Amino acid sequence: MIICERKPIDEIKSFIAGKKKVLLVGCRGCVTVCNAGGTKEVEILAALLRLDAQKDGNELTVDEFTLERQCDPEYIDELADLVGKGYDAILSMACSVGPQFLSRRYPKEQIYPSLNTCFIGGALAHGIWTEHCQACGNCVIHLYGGMCPVSRCSKSIMNGPCGGSSNGVCEISKEVECVWHLIASKYMDEGRLSEFAPIQPIKDWTKSRDGGPRKIVREELVK
């Protein structure tokens, strides 16, 4: 899933400085799962902004609405009636796709991101998420024991560890496991290290981000 975290409150406050009426829009997708932009987080941020405005003696109305998803036009259309109620700003609590889709759908509105989009990852434990994918467009984890050296190696090395790896730890931090140590250990534990001996060819990066924004068309779904 896409992992996000809320922007610093002072940055969000700077977006709405001098504004009187704000709409805060959450998302029930990835940002709900990672506790960054769901209904609960919308309520918390709205309360913080109201309290801050009250403390400073400012007049501020903060309305709340949470969409099923902000990356799907049919759900964004649900805001049409609300958007026409004269908001000075709309704060999106979604990944970066959300405020971009909102801006395209409602071009006359001032729309701001309330979250920082961090990475594609998963949960190690409650409240802890780690990066596991860079969306390179051509998944090769089957060649590496089900682990991704593109995202989990600090240098994205595809054919073995660098010289800085030591005792299973990456040179950048003792908190970062060397994915190549994990890969090799898995093959050794399974008695299959010989299967990993051949050097892999240079990765095909043509499906990655280097060619500009990517697009997928599923002809069977297009009306």
Protein backbone atom coordinates (compact mmCIF):
# COMPACT_ATOMS: atom_id res chain seq x y z
CA MET A 1 0.00 0.00 0.00
CA ILE A 2 1.01 3.63 -0.31
CA ILE A 3 2.45 4.86 2.99
CA CYS A 4 1.89 8.50 3.93
CA GLU A 5 2.36 10.68 6.98
CA ARG A 6 0.74 13.96 7.94
CA LYS A 7 2.61 17.15 7.16
CA PRO A 8 3.79 19.24 10.13
CA ILE A 9 0.87 21.17 11.57
CA ASP A 10 2.65 24.50 11.05
CA GLU A 11 2.96 23.80 7.34
CA ILE A 12 -0.74 22.95 7.09
CA LYS A 13 -1.60 26.11 9.03
CA SER A 14 0.43 28.15 6.55
CA PHE A 15 -1.76 26.82 3.73
CA ILE A 16 -4.92 28.21 5.32
CA ALA A 17 -3.53 31.39 6.88
CA GLY A 18 -6.14 34.14 6.56
CA LYS A 19 -8.82 31.78 5.28
CA LYS A 20 -12.23 31.56 6.94
CA LYS A 21 -13.78 28.37 5.59
CA VAL A 22 -11.93 25.13 4.91
CA LEU A 23 -12.99 21.68 3.72
CA LEU A 24 -10.91 18.78 4.98
CA VAL A 25 -11.22 15.68 2.77
CA GLY A 26 -10.07 12.24 3.90
CA CYS A 27 -9.69 8.95 2.05
CA ARG A 28 -10.69 5.42 3.06
CA GLY A 29 -7.96 3.83 0.97
CA CYS A 30 -4.28 3.29 1.81
CA VAL A 31 -4.03 6.32 4.10
CA THR A 32 -6.74 4.91 6.33
CA VAL A 33 -4.82 1.65 6.69
CA CYS A 34 -1.60 3.49 7.59
CA ASN A 35 -3.46 5.81 9.98
CA ALA A 36 -2.66 9.00 8.11
CA GLY A 37 -5.81 10.26 6.39
CA GLY A 38 -8.92 8.27 7.29
CA THR A 39 -12.02 9.49 9.09
CA LYS A 40 -10.30 9.46 12.49
CA GLU A 41 -7.32 11.45 11.23
CA VAL A 42 -9.64 13.95 9.52
CA GLU A 43 -11.44 14.50 12.82
CA ILE A 44 -8.16 14.96 14.70
CA LEU A 45 -6.71 17.47 12.22
CA ALA A 46 -9.99 19.38 12.01
CA ALA A 47 -10.09 19.66 15.81
CA LEU A 48 -6.47 20.86 15.92
CA LEU A 49 -7.12 23.55 13.32
CA ARG A 50 -10.28 24.74 15.09
CA LEU A 51 -8.56 24.89 18.48
CA ASP A 52 -5.58 26.72 17.02
CA ALA A 53 -7.82 29.28 15.33
CA GLN A 54 -9.80 29.77 18.54
CA LYS A 55 -6.61 30.24 20.55
CA ASP A 56 -5.42 32.92 18.13
CA GLY A 57 -8.82 34.60 18.06
CA ASN A 58 -9.37 33.78 14.38
CA GLU A 59 -12.65 32.89 12.74
CA LEU A 60 -12.35 29.50 11.03
CA THR A 61 -14.92 26.95 9.89
CA VAL A 62 -13.55 23.48 9.17
CA ASP A 63 -15.92 21.00 7.54
CA GLU A 64 -15.06 17.30 7.20
CA PHE A 65 -15.76 14.71 4.52
CA THR A 66 -14.14 11.35 3.83
CA LEU A 67 -14.29 9.80 0.38
CA GLU A 68 -14.07 6.10 -0.38
CA ARG A 69 -11.05 6.93 -2.55
CA GLN A 70 -9.51 10.12 -3.90
CA CYS A 71 -7.88 8.37 -6.87
CA ASP A 72 -11.18 7.52 -8.57
CA PRO A 73 -13.31 10.12 -10.43
CA GLU A 74 -16.63 8.57 -9.45
CA TYR A 75 -15.91 9.14 -5.76
CA ILE A 76 -14.45 12.61 -6.25
CA ASP A 77 -17.72 13.61 -7.91
CA GLU A 78 -19.39 13.17 -4.51
CA LEU A 79 -17.81 16.45 -3.46
CA ALA A 80 -19.56 18.48 -6.15
CA ASP A 81 -22.31 19.81 -3.90
CA LEU A 82 -19.91 20.63 -1.08
CA VAL A 83 -17.36 22.37 -3.28
CA GLY A 84 -20.00 24.89 -4.33
CA LYS A 85 -20.43 26.15 -0.78
CA GLY A 86 -17.70 28.77 -0.93
CA TYR A 87 -14.65 27.18 0.66
CA ASP A 88 -11.48 29.23 0.73
CA ALA A 89 -9.35 26.08 0.68
CA ILE A 90 -9.67 22.32 0.40
CA LEU A 91 -7.17 20.21 2.34
CA SER A 92 -6.68 16.71 0.95
CA MET A 93 -5.72 13.96 3.37
CA ALA A 94 -4.75 11.43 0.70
CA CYS A 95 -1.59 10.40 -1.11
CA SER A 96 -0.33 12.84 -3.72
CA VAL A 97 -2.76 11.43 -6.28
CA GLY A 98 -5.71 12.73 -4.26
CA PRO A 99 -5.01 16.49 -4.37
CA GLN A 100 -3.98 16.18 -8.02
CA PHE A 101 -7.28 14.51 -8.94
CA LEU A 102 -9.20 17.04 -6.87
CA SER A 103 -7.39 19.91 -8.60
CA ARG A 104 -8.22 18.48 -12.01
CA ARG A 105 -11.89 17.91 -11.14
CA TYR A 106 -12.35 21.27 -9.38
CA PRO A 107 -9.87 23.60 -11.12
CA LYS A 108 -11.23 26.79 -9.56
CA GLU A 109 -10.62 25.60 -5.99
CA GLN A 110 -7.49 26.12 -3.91
CA ILE A 111 -6.41 22.59 -2.99
CA TYR A 112 -3.54 21.68 -0.69
CA PRO A 113 -1.92 18.37 0.34
CA SER A 114 -2.09 17.61 4.06
CA LEU A 115 0.05 14.46 3.76
CA ASN A 116 3.50 13.59 2.51
CA THR A 117 3.57 10.49 0.31
CA CYS A 118 6.50 8.37 1.48
CA PHE A 119 6.71 4.97 -0.23
CA ILE A 120 5.02 1.69 -1.16
CA GLY A 121 5.35 -0.70 1.73
CA GLY A 122 3.78 -2.85 4.39
CA ALA A 123 3.41 -3.12 8.14
CA LEU A 124 6.08 -4.78 10.27
CA ALA A 125 4.00 -4.21 13.39
CA HIS A 126 1.25 -1.87 14.52
CA GLY A 127 2.38 1.66 13.70
CA ILE A 128 5.55 0.56 11.86
CA TRP A 129 5.77 0.50 8.06
CA THR A 130 8.74 -0.19 5.80
CA GLU A 131 9.42 0.31 2.10
CA HIS A 132 9.23 -2.82 -0.04
CA CYS A 133 8.59 -1.55 -3.57
CA GLN A 134 9.61 1.31 -5.86
CA ALA A 135 7.07 0.48 -8.56
CA CYS A 136 9.82 -0.15 -11.12
CA GLY A 137 7.29 -1.65 -13.55
CA ASN A 138 8.96 -5.07 -13.95
CA CYS A 139 8.90 -7.17 -10.79
CA VAL A 140 11.81 -9.60 -10.40
CA ILE A 141 11.51 -10.66 -6.77
CA HIS A 142 11.20 -14.31 -7.85
CA LEU A 143 14.90 -14.15 -8.71
CA TYR A 144 15.80 -12.98 -5.21
CA GLY A 145 13.97 -15.26 -2.82
CA GLY A 146 10.85 -13.11 -2.83
CA MET A 147 12.72 -9.96 -1.77
CA CYS A 148 13.29 -6.76 -3.74
CA PRO A 149 16.86 -5.46 -4.03
CA VAL A 150 15.65 -2.42 -5.96
CA SER A 151 13.79 -1.00 -2.97
CA ARG A 152 15.39 -2.78 -0.03
CA CYS A 153 19.05 -2.39 -0.98
CA SER A 154 20.18 1.17 -0.27
CA LYS A 155 22.07 1.18 -3.58
CA SER A 156 19.56 -0.95 -5.53
CA ILE A 157 22.35 -3.41 -6.38
CA MET A 158 21.06 -6.34 -8.42
CA ASN A 159 23.98 -8.80 -8.21
CA GLY A 160 25.25 -9.20 -4.69
CA PRO A 161 26.04 -6.97 -1.70
CA CYS A 162 28.33 -3.97 -1.72
CA GLY A 163 31.55 -3.79 0.28
CA GLY A 164 29.88 -1.84 3.05
CA SER A 165 27.63 -4.63 4.27
CA SER A 166 28.78 -6.21 7.52
CA ASN A 167 27.23 -8.87 9.76
CA GLY A 168 23.94 -8.64 7.93
CA VAL A 169 23.64 -4.89 8.41
CA CYS A 170 23.71 -2.09 5.82
CA GLU A 171 26.49 0.47 6.09
CA ILE A 172 24.03 3.37 6.18
CA SER A 173 22.55 2.35 9.55
CA LYS A 174 22.63 -0.46 12.07
CA GLU A 175 18.85 -0.32 11.93
CA VAL A 176 18.79 -1.36 8.26
CA GLU A 177 19.13 -5.03 7.39
CA CYS A 178 21.22 -5.89 4.33
CA VAL A 179 18.69 -7.42 1.97
CA TRP A 180 21.47 -9.34 0.25
CA HIS A 181 22.30 -11.05 3.55
CA LEU A 182 18.63 -11.98 3.86
CA ILE A 183 18.49 -13.27 0.28
CA ALA A 184 21.64 -15.37 0.60
CA SER A 185 20.58 -16.71 4.00
CA LYS A 186 17.24 -17.83 2.61
CA TYR A 187 18.83 -19.71 -0.31
CA MET A 188 21.37 -21.30 2.04
CA ASP A 189 18.73 -22.37 4.55
CA GLU A 190 16.77 -23.99 1.73
CA GLY A 191 19.87 -25.68 0.30
CA ARG A 192 19.41 -23.83 -3.01
CA LEU A 193 22.36 -21.44 -3.07
CA SER A 194 23.62 -22.97 -6.33
CA GLU A 195 20.43 -21.79 -8.01
CA PHE A 196 21.42 -18.23 -7.29
CA ALA A 197 24.96 -18.51 -8.70
CA PRO A 198 24.38 -17.13 -12.24
CA ILE A 199 24.80 -13.38 -12.58
CA GLN A 200 21.54 -11.74 -13.59
CA PRO A 201 21.52 -9.62 -16.76
CA ILE A 202 21.19 -5.86 -16.55
CA LYS A 203 17.67 -4.99 -15.43
CA ASP A 204 15.28 -3.65 -18.06
CA TRP A 205 14.36 -0.19 -16.75
CA THR A 206 12.22 0.79 -19.73
CA LYS A 207 9.04 0.14 -17.74
CA SER A 208 10.22 2.29 -14.86
CA ARG A 209 9.69 6.02 -14.28
CA ASP A 210 12.49 7.13 -16.61
CA GLY A 211 10.17 7.28 -19.63
CA GLY A 212 7.85 9.80 -17.99
CA PRO A 213 4.45 9.27 -16.31
CA ARG A 214 3.25 5.73 -16.91
CA LYS A 215 -0.20 4.66 -18.06
CA ILE A 216 -1.99 1.31 -18.11
CA VAL A 217 -5.01 0.70 -20.34
CA ARG A 218 -7.13 -2.40 -19.74
CA GLU A 219 -9.07 -2.63 -22.99
CA GLU A 220 -11.65 -5.03 -21.52
CA LEU A 221 -12.58 -2.41 -18.92
CA VAL A 222 -12.65 0.65 -21.16
CA LYS A 223 -16.16 1.57 -22.23
